[in-house]
Amino acid sequence: MIETFFPNVEMSKFWEKTYETVYMTGISLVFIFIFGILLGLLLFLTSKGNIWQNRVINWIIAAVVNIFRAIPFVILIILLIPFTRGIMGTMIGPNAALPALIIGSAPFYARMVEIGLREVNKGVIEAAQAMGARTSTIIFKVLLPESMPAIISGLTVTAIALVGYTAIAGIIGAGGLGNYAHQYGFVRGNNDVTLFGTIAILIIVFIIQFIGDLITKKIDKR
């Protein structure tokens, strides 16, 4: 059936490129989750009226986050070429895309984490402080558990955006379904290949959204 509607699609190549997209998205998402949580916590805790209130540090972190959020992804890839080549040894392939994917998405996710933390009831935090809870206890027993539904929801949105970023990175040599749709579809005039790659990307996005929504509903106790 696939051969009938998509005669130019090579399934072996398609699965190879699909794996590359899933690989880039998955590995990047792990680091984005870690860095995003750390940056989000710092943004929240150093803001006015919070535990580590520090105007200077908060301004510096916010400035870094805002700068990297504002840079278009394609330009960011170009700006990071020396850095990427230095730590990865190459600018071609899925691994070469990881630094740009992580640096480009972590600040976005950090802001979503910060928003989630701001939704936590101030009374719960104050009650924990009144009972003499340490900062680490407040972070791991109050802030993160209470904001987890928003954090997971934000991670879902970030993951979907990340799939789009992998497609952009693929066009300039990172591999993945973006590379497949462009190199084997658009460049060769095979519109069916481009369409097939697009459908595959949409399916991945739908799966991510479904899993994210499912997890969010299970952990949301409200």
N, C-alpha and C. Protein backbone atom coordinates (compact mmCIF):
# COMPACT_ATOMS: atom_id res chain seq x y z
N MET A 1 0.83 -1.21 0.00
CA MET A 1 0.00 0.00 0.00
C MET A 1 0.88 1.27 0.00
N ILE A 2 1.96 1.24 0.79
CA ILE A 2 2.85 2.39 0.85
C ILE A 2 3.48 2.64 -0.51
N GLU A 3 3.87 1.56 -1.19
CA GLU A 3 4.50 1.68 -2.51
C GLU A 3 3.55 2.29 -3.53
N THR A 4 2.25 2.08 -3.33
CA THR A 4 1.26 2.61 -4.27
C THR A 4 1.16 4.13 -4.18
N PHE A 5 1.08 4.63 -2.94
CA PHE A 5 0.90 6.06 -2.74
C PHE A 5 2.23 6.82 -2.59
N PHE A 6 3.27 6.10 -2.18
CA PHE A 6 4.59 6.73 -1.99
C PHE A 6 5.66 5.88 -2.69
N PRO A 7 5.66 5.89 -4.01
CA PRO A 7 6.54 5.00 -4.79
C PRO A 7 8.04 5.26 -4.61
N ASN A 8 8.41 6.45 -4.23
CA ASN A 8 9.84 6.78 -4.12
C ASN A 8 10.41 6.64 -2.70
N VAL A 9 9.58 6.19 -1.79
CA VAL A 9 10.01 6.06 -0.40
C VAL A 9 10.82 4.78 -0.22
N GLU A 10 12.02 4.93 0.32
CA GLU A 10 12.86 3.78 0.68
C GLU A 10 12.71 3.56 2.18
N MET A 11 12.06 2.47 2.56
CA MET A 11 11.73 2.26 3.96
C MET A 11 12.96 2.13 4.85
N SER A 12 14.02 1.50 4.35
CA SER A 12 15.24 1.34 5.15
C SER A 12 15.82 2.71 5.50
N LYS A 13 15.86 3.59 4.52
CA LYS A 13 16.37 4.95 4.74
C LYS A 13 15.42 5.73 5.65
N PHE A 14 14.12 5.53 5.46
CA PHE A 14 13.13 6.21 6.28
C PHE A 14 13.28 5.85 7.75
N TRP A 15 13.43 4.55 8.04
CA TRP A 15 13.56 4.12 9.43
C TRP A 15 14.88 4.62 10.04
N GLU A 16 15.91 4.68 9.23
CA GLU A 16 17.19 5.22 9.70
C GLU A 16 17.04 6.68 10.11
N LYS A 17 16.36 7.46 9.28
CA LYS A 17 16.16 8.88 9.57
C LYS A 17 15.18 9.10 10.74
N THR A 18 14.21 8.21 10.86
CA THR A 18 13.27 8.30 11.98
C THR A 18 14.01 8.06 13.30
N TYR A 19 14.89 7.06 13.28
CA TYR A 19 15.70 6.78 14.47
C TYR A 19 16.54 8.00 14.85
N GLU A 20 17.12 8.65 13.86
CA GLU A 20 17.95 9.82 14.12
C GLU A 20 17.13 10.95 14.77
N THR A 21 15.91 11.13 14.28
CA THR A 21 15.04 12.17 14.86
C THR A 21 14.69 11.84 16.30
N VAL A 22 14.32 10.59 16.55
CA VAL A 22 13.98 10.16 17.92
C VAL A 22 15.21 10.26 18.83
N TYR A 23 16.37 9.90 18.29
CA TYR A 23 17.62 9.96 19.05
C TYR A 23 17.94 11.41 19.44
N MET A 24 17.90 12.31 18.47
CA MET A 24 18.20 13.72 18.75
C MET A 24 17.22 14.31 19.75
N THR A 25 15.94 13.99 19.57
CA THR A 25 14.90 14.52 20.46
C THR A 25 15.06 13.96 21.87
N GLY A 26 15.26 12.66 21.97
CA GLY A 26 15.36 12.00 23.28
C GLY A 26 16.56 12.45 24.09
N ILE A 27 17.74 12.41 23.47
CA ILE A 27 18.96 12.80 24.18
C ILE A 27 18.90 14.27 24.58
N SER A 28 18.47 15.11 23.66
CA SER A 28 18.37 16.55 23.97
C SER A 28 17.40 16.81 25.11
N LEU A 29 16.29 16.08 25.10
CA LEU A 29 15.24 16.31 26.10
C LEU A 29 15.73 16.00 27.51
N VAL A 30 16.57 14.99 27.65
CA VAL A 30 17.13 14.65 28.96
C VAL A 30 17.93 15.82 29.52
N PHE A 31 18.82 16.38 28.69
CA PHE A 31 19.65 17.51 29.14
C PHE A 31 18.82 18.78 29.31
N ILE A 32 17.84 18.97 28.44
CA ILE A 32 16.96 20.14 28.55
C ILE A 32 16.17 20.09 29.86
N PHE A 33 15.71 18.91 30.22
CA PHE A 33 14.97 18.73 31.48
C PHE A 33 15.84 19.11 32.67
N ILE A 34 17.09 18.62 32.68
CA ILE A 34 18.00 18.90 33.79
C ILE A 34 18.34 20.39 33.87
N PHE A 35 18.82 20.94 32.74
CA PHE A 35 19.22 22.35 32.72
C PHE A 35 18.02 23.28 32.91
N GLY A 36 16.88 22.89 32.34
CA GLY A 36 15.68 23.71 32.47
C GLY A 36 15.19 23.79 33.90
N ILE A 37 15.22 22.65 34.61
CA ILE A 37 14.82 22.62 36.01
C ILE A 37 15.76 23.50 36.85
N LEU A 38 17.07 23.35 36.61
CA LEU A 38 18.06 24.13 37.37
C LEU A 38 17.88 25.64 37.13
N LEU A 39 17.78 26.02 35.86
CA LEU A 39 17.62 27.44 35.53
C LEU A 39 16.28 27.98 36.03
N GLY A 40 15.23 27.19 35.88
CA GLY A 40 13.91 27.60 36.34
C GLY A 40 13.88 27.81 37.84
N LEU A 41 14.51 26.89 38.59
CA LEU A 41 14.59 27.03 40.04
C LEU A 41 15.36 28.29 40.44
N LEU A 42 16.48 28.52 39.75
CA LEU A 42 17.29 29.71 40.06
C LEU A 42 16.52 31.00 39.76
N LEU A 43 15.81 31.01 38.64
CA LEU A 43 15.01 32.18 38.29
C LEU A 43 13.95 32.44 39.35
N PHE A 44 13.33 31.38 39.83
CA PHE A 44 12.26 31.51 40.82
C PHE A 44 12.81 31.87 42.20
N LEU A 45 13.81 31.12 42.65
CA LEU A 45 14.32 31.29 44.01
C LEU A 45 15.04 32.62 44.24
N THR A 46 15.65 33.16 43.16
CA THR A 46 16.37 34.43 43.32
C THR A 46 15.50 35.65 43.01
N SER A 47 14.26 35.41 42.66
CA SER A 47 13.37 36.54 42.37
C SER A 47 12.88 37.18 43.66
N LYS A 48 12.26 38.33 43.54
CA LYS A 48 11.84 39.13 44.70
C LYS A 48 10.87 38.36 45.59
N GLY A 49 11.18 38.35 46.88
CA GLY A 49 10.29 37.74 47.86
C GLY A 49 10.48 36.26 48.06
N ASN A 50 11.49 35.67 47.40
CA ASN A 50 11.72 34.24 47.53
C ASN A 50 12.98 33.92 48.34
N ILE A 51 13.23 32.64 48.54
CA ILE A 51 14.25 32.17 49.50
C ILE A 51 15.63 32.74 49.23
N TRP A 52 16.07 32.71 47.98
CA TRP A 52 17.42 33.18 47.64
C TRP A 52 17.37 34.54 46.94
N GLN A 53 16.47 35.39 47.34
CA GLN A 53 16.29 36.67 46.66
C GLN A 53 17.64 37.37 46.42
N ASN A 54 17.92 37.59 45.15
CA ASN A 54 19.18 38.26 44.78
C ASN A 54 18.94 38.92 43.43
N ARG A 55 18.82 40.21 43.45
CA ARG A 55 18.46 40.96 42.24
C ARG A 55 19.49 40.81 41.13
N VAL A 56 20.77 40.86 41.48
CA VAL A 56 21.85 40.79 40.48
C VAL A 56 21.89 39.43 39.80
N ILE A 57 21.91 38.37 40.61
CA ILE A 57 21.97 37.01 40.04
C ILE A 57 20.73 36.74 39.20
N ASN A 58 19.58 37.14 39.70
CA ASN A 58 18.34 36.94 38.96
C ASN A 58 18.38 37.66 37.62
N TRP A 59 18.91 38.88 37.62
CA TRP A 59 18.99 39.66 36.38
C TRP A 59 19.94 38.99 35.38
N ILE A 60 21.07 38.48 35.86
CA ILE A 60 22.05 37.83 34.98
C ILE A 60 21.45 36.57 34.35
N ILE A 61 20.84 35.73 35.19
CA ILE A 61 20.25 34.48 34.68
C ILE A 61 19.12 34.79 33.70
N ALA A 62 18.26 35.75 34.05
CA ALA A 62 17.15 36.12 33.18
C ALA A 62 17.66 36.67 31.85
N ALA A 63 18.74 37.44 31.89
CA ALA A 63 19.31 38.00 30.66
C ALA A 63 19.83 36.90 29.75
N VAL A 64 20.56 35.94 30.32
CA VAL A 64 21.09 34.82 29.53
C VAL A 64 19.95 34.01 28.91
N VAL A 65 18.95 33.72 29.72
CA VAL A 65 17.79 32.96 29.24
C VAL A 65 17.08 33.70 28.12
N ASN A 66 16.85 34.97 28.30
CA ASN A 66 16.13 35.77 27.30
C ASN A 66 16.92 35.90 25.99
N ILE A 67 18.23 36.04 26.11
CA ILE A 67 19.07 36.17 24.91
C ILE A 67 18.99 34.92 24.06
N PHE A 68 19.18 33.76 24.69
CA PHE A 68 19.16 32.51 23.92
C PHE A 68 17.76 32.15 23.43
N ARG A 69 16.74 32.60 24.15
CA ARG A 69 15.37 32.37 23.67
C ARG A 69 15.07 33.20 22.44
N ALA A 70 15.71 34.36 22.34
CA ALA A 70 15.40 35.31 21.26
C ALA A 70 16.14 35.00 19.97
N ILE A 71 17.23 34.23 20.04
CA ILE A 71 18.02 33.95 18.84
C ILE A 71 17.31 32.88 18.00
N PRO A 72 17.00 33.17 16.74
CA PRO A 72 16.39 32.15 15.87
C PRO A 72 17.28 30.91 15.80
N PHE A 73 16.66 29.74 15.75
CA PHE A 73 17.41 28.49 15.86
C PHE A 73 18.45 28.31 14.76
N VAL A 74 18.09 28.67 13.54
CA VAL A 74 19.04 28.53 12.42
C VAL A 74 20.29 29.37 12.67
N ILE A 75 20.10 30.59 13.15
CA ILE A 75 21.24 31.47 13.44
C ILE A 75 22.05 30.91 14.60
N LEU A 76 21.35 30.35 15.60
CA LEU A 76 22.04 29.78 16.75
C LEU A 76 22.97 28.63 16.32
N ILE A 77 22.49 27.81 15.40
CA ILE A 77 23.33 26.71 14.90
C ILE A 77 24.62 27.25 14.30
N ILE A 78 24.48 28.32 13.51
CA ILE A 78 25.65 28.92 12.86
C ILE A 78 26.60 29.52 13.90
N LEU A 79 26.04 30.23 14.89
CA LEU A 79 26.87 30.84 15.93
C LEU A 79 27.62 29.80 16.76
N LEU A 80 27.02 28.62 16.91
CA LEU A 80 27.61 27.58 17.74
C LEU A 80 28.55 26.64 16.99
N ILE A 81 28.79 26.91 15.70
CA ILE A 81 29.65 26.03 14.91
C ILE A 81 31.02 25.80 15.56
N PRO A 82 31.76 26.84 15.97
CA PRO A 82 33.07 26.60 16.61
C PRO A 82 32.96 25.77 17.89
N PHE A 83 31.94 26.09 18.71
CA PHE A 83 31.72 25.37 19.96
C PHE A 83 31.37 23.91 19.69
N THR A 84 30.46 23.68 18.75
CA THR A 84 30.03 22.33 18.41
C THR A 84 31.19 21.51 17.85
N ARG A 85 31.94 22.11 16.95
CA ARG A 85 33.08 21.41 16.36
C ARG A 85 34.13 21.08 17.44
N GLY A 86 34.26 21.98 18.41
CA GLY A 86 35.24 21.78 19.47
C GLY A 86 34.91 20.62 20.39
N ILE A 87 33.61 20.44 20.74
CA ILE A 87 33.25 19.37 21.68
C ILE A 87 32.80 18.08 20.99
N MET A 88 32.30 18.21 19.75
CA MET A 88 31.82 17.03 19.02
C MET A 88 32.78 16.56 17.93
N GLY A 89 33.66 17.47 17.50
CA GLY A 89 34.63 17.10 16.48
C GLY A 89 34.08 17.11 15.07
N THR A 90 32.81 17.48 14.91
CA THR A 90 32.18 17.49 13.58
C THR A 90 30.96 18.41 13.59
N MET A 91 30.54 18.78 12.39
CA MET A 91 29.31 19.57 12.25
C MET A 91 28.24 18.79 11.50
N ILE A 92 28.52 17.51 11.23
CA ILE A 92 27.59 16.68 10.46
C ILE A 92 27.10 15.52 11.32
N GLY A 93 25.82 15.20 11.19
CA GLY A 93 25.26 14.05 11.90
C GLY A 93 24.44 14.44 13.11
N PRO A 94 23.69 13.49 13.67
CA PRO A 94 22.79 13.75 14.80
C PRO A 94 23.50 14.29 16.03
N ASN A 95 24.68 13.76 16.35
CA ASN A 95 25.40 14.22 17.54
C ASN A 95 25.79 15.70 17.44
N ALA A 96 26.11 16.12 16.22
CA ALA A 96 26.51 17.52 16.01
C ALA A 96 25.37 18.49 16.28
N ALA A 97 24.14 18.00 16.19
CA ALA A 97 22.98 18.88 16.40
C ALA A 97 22.65 19.06 17.88
N LEU A 98 23.15 18.17 18.72
CA LEU A 98 22.77 18.17 20.14
C LEU A 98 23.07 19.48 20.88
N PRO A 99 24.29 20.05 20.75
CA PRO A 99 24.54 21.30 21.48
C PRO A 99 23.55 22.41 21.15
N ALA A 100 23.28 22.61 19.87
CA ALA A 100 22.35 23.67 19.47
C ALA A 100 20.92 23.36 19.94
N LEU A 101 20.52 22.10 19.87
CA LEU A 101 19.19 21.72 20.31
C LEU A 101 19.02 21.98 21.81
N ILE A 102 20.03 21.63 22.58
CA ILE A 102 19.97 21.80 24.04
C ILE A 102 20.02 23.27 24.42
N ILE A 103 21.00 23.99 23.87
CA ILE A 103 21.17 25.40 24.21
C ILE A 103 19.99 26.24 23.71
N GLY A 104 19.41 25.84 22.58
CA GLY A 104 18.29 26.58 22.02
C GLY A 104 16.97 26.34 22.75
N SER A 105 16.83 25.17 23.39
CA SER A 105 15.55 24.81 24.00
C SER A 105 15.53 24.93 25.52
N ALA A 106 16.66 24.73 26.17
CA ALA A 106 16.70 24.77 27.64
C ALA A 106 16.19 26.11 28.22
N PRO A 107 16.59 27.26 27.65
CA PRO A 107 16.07 28.53 28.18
C PRO A 107 14.55 28.65 28.07
N PHE A 108 14.01 28.17 26.97
CA PHE A 108 12.56 28.19 26.77
C PHE A 108 11.87 27.35 27.85
N TYR A 109 12.43 26.16 28.09
CA TYR A 109 11.84 25.28 29.10
C TYR A 109 12.03 25.86 30.51
N ALA A 110 13.15 26.53 30.74
CA ALA A 110 13.41 27.14 32.05
C ALA A 110 12.32 28.14 32.41
N ARG A 111 11.89 28.92 31.43
CA ARG A 111 10.82 29.89 31.68
C ARG A 111 9.51 29.17 32.01
N MET A 112 9.26 28.05 31.36
CA MET A 112 8.03 27.31 31.64
C MET A 112 8.08 26.70 33.04
N VAL A 113 9.28 26.26 33.44
CA VAL A 113 9.45 25.74 34.80
C VAL A 113 9.21 26.85 35.82
N GLU A 114 9.76 28.02 35.55
CA GLU A 114 9.58 29.16 36.44
C GLU A 114 8.09 29.50 36.59
N ILE A 115 7.38 29.50 35.48
CA ILE A 115 5.93 29.78 35.52
C ILE A 115 5.21 28.74 36.38
N GLY A 116 5.59 27.47 36.21
CA GLY A 116 5.00 26.40 37.01
C GLY A 116 5.26 26.58 38.49
N LEU A 117 6.48 26.98 38.84
CA LEU A 117 6.84 27.20 40.25
C LEU A 117 6.07 28.38 40.84
N ARG A 118 5.82 29.39 40.04
CA ARG A 118 5.07 30.56 40.52
C ARG A 118 3.62 30.22 40.83
N GLU A 119 3.14 29.13 40.27
CA GLU A 119 1.76 28.72 40.51
C GLU A 119 1.58 27.99 41.85
N VAL A 120 2.71 27.62 42.48
CA VAL A 120 2.64 26.94 43.77
C VAL A 120 2.12 27.91 44.82
N ASN A 121 1.18 27.44 45.63
CA ASN A 121 0.57 28.26 46.68
C ASN A 121 1.64 28.76 47.65
N LYS A 122 1.72 30.08 47.80
CA LYS A 122 2.70 30.69 48.71
C LYS A 122 2.52 30.20 50.14
N GLY A 123 1.27 29.91 50.51
CA GLY A 123 0.99 29.45 51.86
C GLY A 123 1.67 28.14 52.18
N VAL A 124 1.76 27.25 51.19
CA VAL A 124 2.40 25.95 51.38
C VAL A 124 3.89 26.14 51.65
N ILE A 125 4.50 27.06 50.88
CA ILE A 125 5.94 27.35 51.05
C ILE A 125 6.19 27.97 52.42
N GLU A 126 5.35 28.93 52.81
CA GLU A 126 5.51 29.61 54.10
C GLU A 126 5.30 28.65 55.25
N ALA A 127 4.38 27.69 55.10
CA ALA A 127 4.14 26.70 56.14
C ALA A 127 5.37 25.81 56.33
N ALA A 128 5.99 25.44 55.22
CA ALA A 128 7.20 24.62 55.29
C ALA A 128 8.34 25.38 55.96
N GLN A 129 8.47 26.66 55.63
CA GLN A 129 9.50 27.50 56.25
C GLN A 129 9.24 27.66 57.75
N ALA A 130 7.97 27.82 58.12
CA ALA A 130 7.61 27.99 59.53
C ALA A 130 7.94 26.75 60.35
N MET A 131 7.90 25.59 59.71
CA MET A 131 8.22 24.34 60.40
C MET A 131 9.72 24.07 60.41
N GLY A 132 10.49 25.03 59.89
CA GLY A 132 11.94 24.89 59.92
C GLY A 132 12.54 24.05 58.81
N ALA A 133 11.79 23.84 57.75
CA ALA A 133 12.29 23.02 56.63
C ALA A 133 13.48 23.70 55.96
N ARG A 134 14.47 22.89 55.59
CA ARG A 134 15.63 23.43 54.89
C ARG A 134 15.25 23.76 53.45
N THR A 135 16.10 24.55 52.80
CA THR A 135 15.83 24.95 51.42
C THR A 135 15.70 23.74 50.51
N SER A 136 16.60 22.77 50.69
CA SER A 136 16.56 21.55 49.86
C SER A 136 15.25 20.80 50.05
N THR A 137 14.76 20.78 51.28
CA THR A 137 13.48 20.11 51.57
C THR A 137 12.33 20.84 50.89
N ILE A 138 12.36 22.16 50.95
CA ILE A 138 11.31 22.95 50.31
C ILE A 138 11.31 22.73 48.80
N ILE A 139 12.52 22.64 48.23
CA ILE A 139 12.63 22.44 46.77
C ILE A 139 12.10 21.07 46.36
N PHE A 140 12.59 20.01 47.04
CA PHE A 140 12.28 18.65 46.61
C PHE A 140 10.99 18.07 47.19
N LYS A 141 10.50 18.65 48.28
CA LYS A 141 9.28 18.13 48.90
C LYS A 141 8.06 19.02 48.69
N VAL A 142 8.32 20.28 48.32
CA VAL A 142 7.19 21.21 48.13
C VAL A 142 7.13 21.75 46.71
N LEU A 143 8.15 22.51 46.31
CA LEU A 143 8.11 23.20 45.02
C LEU A 143 7.98 22.26 43.83
N LEU A 144 8.90 21.32 43.71
CA LEU A 144 8.88 20.43 42.54
C LEU A 144 7.65 19.52 42.50
N PRO A 145 7.29 18.86 43.61
CA PRO A 145 6.07 18.02 43.56
C PRO A 145 4.80 18.81 43.25
N GLU A 146 4.67 20.00 43.85
CA GLU A 146 3.46 20.79 43.65
C GLU A 146 3.36 21.35 42.22
N SER A 147 4.50 21.60 41.61
CA SER A 147 4.49 22.18 40.26
C SER A 147 4.72 21.14 39.16
N MET A 148 4.80 19.86 39.54
CA MET A 148 5.15 18.82 38.57
C MET A 148 4.19 18.73 37.37
N PRO A 149 2.87 18.85 37.56
CA PRO A 149 1.99 18.82 36.38
C PRO A 149 2.34 19.90 35.35
N ALA A 150 2.62 21.12 35.83
CA ALA A 150 2.99 22.21 34.93
C ALA A 150 4.36 21.96 34.31
N ILE A 151 5.27 21.36 35.09
CA ILE A 151 6.61 21.06 34.58
C ILE A 151 6.56 20.02 33.47
N ILE A 152 5.75 18.98 33.66
CA ILE A 152 5.61 17.94 32.63
C ILE A 152 4.89 18.48 31.41
N SER A 153 3.88 19.28 31.64
CA SER A 153 3.17 19.91 30.52
C SER A 153 4.11 20.79 29.71
N GLY A 154 4.96 21.53 30.40
CA GLY A 154 5.95 22.37 29.72
C GLY A 154 6.96 21.55 28.97
N LEU A 155 7.34 20.41 29.54
CA LEU A 155 8.30 19.52 28.86
C LEU A 155 7.69 18.95 27.59
N THR A 156 6.40 18.69 27.62
CA THR A 156 5.70 18.19 26.43
C THR A 156 5.74 19.22 25.31
N VAL A 157 5.43 20.46 25.65
CA VAL A 157 5.47 21.55 24.67
C VAL A 157 6.88 21.72 24.12
N THR A 158 7.87 21.63 25.00
CA THR A 158 9.27 21.77 24.59
C THR A 158 9.68 20.63 23.66
N ALA A 159 9.25 19.41 23.98
CA ALA A 159 9.59 18.25 23.15
C ALA A 159 9.02 18.38 21.75
N ILE A 160 7.81 18.91 21.66
CA ILE A 160 7.19 19.11 20.34
C ILE A 160 7.96 20.16 19.54
N ALA A 161 8.34 21.24 20.21
CA ALA A 161 9.14 22.26 19.54
C ALA A 161 10.49 21.69 19.12
N LEU A 162 11.01 20.78 19.93
CA LEU A 162 12.31 20.16 19.67
C LEU A 162 12.28 19.32 18.40
N VAL A 163 11.17 18.63 18.18
CA VAL A 163 11.03 17.85 16.95
C VAL A 163 11.14 18.77 15.74
N GLY A 164 10.51 19.94 15.83
CA GLY A 164 10.62 20.92 14.74
C GLY A 164 12.05 21.41 14.57
N TYR A 165 12.76 21.60 15.67
CA TYR A 165 14.16 22.03 15.59
C TYR A 165 15.03 20.96 14.93
N THR A 166 14.76 19.68 15.22
CA THR A 166 15.55 18.61 14.59
C THR A 166 15.35 18.62 13.07
N ALA A 167 14.14 18.96 12.65
CA ALA A 167 13.87 19.03 11.20
C ALA A 167 14.68 20.16 10.56
N ILE A 168 14.77 21.29 11.26
CA ILE A 168 15.57 22.42 10.76
C ILE A 168 17.04 22.03 10.71
N ALA A 169 17.51 21.40 11.80
CA ALA A 169 18.91 20.98 11.86
C ALA A 169 19.22 19.96 10.77
N GLY A 170 18.24 19.13 10.45
CA GLY A 170 18.43 18.10 9.42
C GLY A 170 18.71 18.68 8.05
N ILE A 171 18.12 19.82 7.77
CA ILE A 171 18.31 20.45 6.46
C ILE A 171 19.76 20.88 6.25
N ILE A 172 20.46 21.17 7.36
CA ILE A 172 21.86 21.60 7.21
C ILE A 172 22.84 20.49 7.62
N GLY A 173 22.37 19.24 7.56
CA GLY A 173 23.30 18.12 7.68
C GLY A 173 23.25 17.31 8.95
N ALA A 174 22.25 17.53 9.82
CA ALA A 174 22.21 16.80 11.08
C ALA A 174 21.54 15.44 10.97
N GLY A 175 20.93 15.16 9.84
CA GLY A 175 20.20 13.91 9.69
C GLY A 175 18.76 14.05 10.16
N GLY A 176 18.10 12.93 10.34
CA GLY A 176 16.72 12.94 10.81
C GLY A 176 15.71 13.11 9.69
N LEU A 177 14.45 13.20 10.06
CA LEU A 177 13.37 13.26 9.07
C LEU A 177 13.37 14.58 8.30
N GLY A 178 13.87 15.64 8.90
CA GLY A 178 13.99 16.90 8.17
C GLY A 178 14.95 16.75 7.01
N ASN A 179 16.07 16.10 7.27
CA ASN A 179 17.05 15.82 6.23
C ASN A 179 16.48 14.90 5.17
N TYR A 180 15.70 13.92 5.62
CA TYR A 180 15.08 12.96 4.71
C TYR A 180 14.10 13.65 3.77
N ALA A 181 13.22 14.48 4.34
CA ALA A 181 12.22 15.18 3.52
C ALA A 181 12.87 16.16 2.56
N HIS A 182 13.97 16.78 2.97
CA HIS A 182 14.64 17.77 2.12
C HIS A 182 15.53 17.12 1.07
N GLN A 183 16.45 16.27 1.54
CA GLN A 183 17.44 15.69 0.62
C GLN A 183 16.86 14.66 -0.33
N TYR A 184 16.03 13.77 0.21
CA TYR A 184 15.49 12.68 -0.61
C TYR A 184 14.13 13.03 -1.23
N GLY A 185 13.53 14.11 -0.73
CA GLY A 185 12.25 14.52 -1.27
C GLY A 185 12.35 15.78 -2.11
N PHE A 186 12.53 16.92 -1.47
CA PHE A 186 12.53 18.21 -2.15
C PHE A 186 13.63 18.31 -3.20
N VAL A 187 14.87 18.01 -2.81
CA VAL A 187 16.00 18.16 -3.73
C VAL A 187 15.86 17.29 -4.97
N ARG A 188 15.34 16.09 -4.80
CA ARG A 188 15.20 15.15 -5.92
C ARG A 188 13.85 15.27 -6.62
N GLY A 189 13.02 16.18 -6.15
CA GLY A 189 11.71 16.36 -6.78
C GLY A 189 10.72 15.26 -6.46
N ASN A 190 10.96 14.53 -5.38
CA ASN A 190 10.06 13.45 -4.97
C ASN A 190 9.09 13.98 -3.90
N ASN A 191 8.00 14.54 -4.36
CA ASN A 191 7.04 15.13 -3.43
C ASN A 191 6.44 14.11 -2.48
N ASP A 192 6.34 12.87 -2.92
CA ASP A 192 5.76 11.83 -2.06
C ASP A 192 6.67 11.55 -0.87
N VAL A 193 7.98 11.64 -1.07
CA VAL A 193 8.93 11.43 0.02
C VAL A 193 8.82 12.57 1.04
N THR A 194 8.72 13.79 0.55
CA THR A 194 8.56 14.95 1.43
C THR A 194 7.28 14.82 2.25
N LEU A 195 6.20 14.41 1.61
CA LEU A 195 4.92 14.23 2.30
C LEU A 195 5.01 13.11 3.33
N PHE A 196 5.67 12.03 2.97
CA PHE A 196 5.80 10.88 3.86
C PHE A 196 6.60 11.28 5.11
N GLY A 197 7.69 12.04 4.90
CA GLY A 197 8.49 12.51 6.02
C GLY A 197 7.71 13.44 6.93
N THR A 198 6.88 14.29 6.31
CA THR A 198 6.06 15.23 7.08
C THR A 198 5.04 14.49 7.93
N ILE A 199 4.42 13.48 7.35
CA ILE A 199 3.43 12.67 8.08
C ILE A 199 4.09 11.99 9.27
N ALA A 200 5.31 11.48 9.05
CA ALA A 200 6.03 10.81 10.14
C ALA A 200 6.31 11.78 11.29
N ILE A 201 6.71 13.00 10.96
CA ILE A 201 6.97 14.02 11.98
C ILE A 201 5.68 14.34 12.76
N LEU A 202 4.57 14.44 12.04
CA LEU A 202 3.29 14.72 12.69
C LEU A 202 2.90 13.59 13.64
N ILE A 203 3.15 12.35 13.24
CA ILE A 203 2.83 11.20 14.08
C ILE A 203 3.66 11.24 15.37
N ILE A 204 4.94 11.55 15.24
CA ILE A 204 5.82 11.67 16.41
C ILE A 204 5.30 12.75 17.35
N VAL A 205 4.89 13.88 16.79
CA VAL A 205 4.35 14.98 17.61
C VAL A 205 3.08 14.55 18.34
N PHE A 206 2.19 13.85 17.64
CA PHE A 206 0.95 13.38 18.26
C PHE A 206 1.24 12.39 19.39
N ILE A 207 2.22 11.53 19.19
CA ILE A 207 2.59 10.55 20.22
C ILE A 207 3.13 11.26 21.47
N ILE A 208 4.01 12.24 21.24
CA ILE A 208 4.57 13.01 22.35
C ILE A 208 3.47 13.72 23.12
N GLN A 209 2.54 14.34 22.40
CA GLN A 209 1.43 15.06 23.04
C GLN A 209 0.56 14.10 23.85
N PHE A 210 0.30 12.94 23.30
CA PHE A 210 -0.54 11.94 23.99
C PHE A 210 0.12 11.48 25.27
N ILE A 211 1.41 11.14 25.19
CA ILE A 211 2.14 10.66 26.37
C ILE A 211 2.24 11.76 27.42
N GLY A 212 2.54 12.98 26.97
CA GLY A 212 2.64 14.11 27.90
C GLY A 212 1.32 14.38 28.62
N ASP A 213 0.23 14.38 27.89
CA ASP A 213 -1.09 14.61 28.49
C ASP A 213 -1.44 13.49 29.47
N LEU A 214 -1.08 12.26 29.11
CA LEU A 214 -1.39 11.11 29.96
C LEU A 214 -0.65 11.21 31.30
N ILE A 215 0.64 11.54 31.23
CA ILE A 215 1.44 11.66 32.46
C ILE A 215 0.94 12.83 33.31
N THR A 216 0.64 13.95 32.66
CA THR A 216 0.16 15.13 33.38
C THR A 216 -1.13 14.83 34.14
N LYS A 217 -2.06 14.14 33.49
CA LYS A 217 -3.32 13.80 34.14
C LYS A 217 -3.12 12.86 35.33
N LYS A 218 -2.15 11.95 35.22
CA LYS A 218 -1.92 10.97 36.29
C LYS A 218 -1.30 11.60 37.53
N ILE A 219 -0.45 12.61 37.32
CA ILE A 219 0.24 13.21 38.48
C ILE A 219 -0.47 14.46 39.01
N ASP A 220 -1.48 14.94 38.28
CA ASP A 220 -2.21 16.13 38.71
C ASP A 220 -3.26 15.70 39.75
N LYS A 221 -3.06 16.11 40.98
CA LYS A 221 -3.94 15.69 42.08
C LYS A 221 -5.07 16.69 42.34
N ARG A 222 -5.10 17.75 41.55
CA ARG A 222 -6.13 18.78 41.76
C ARG A 222 -7.49 18.29 41.27
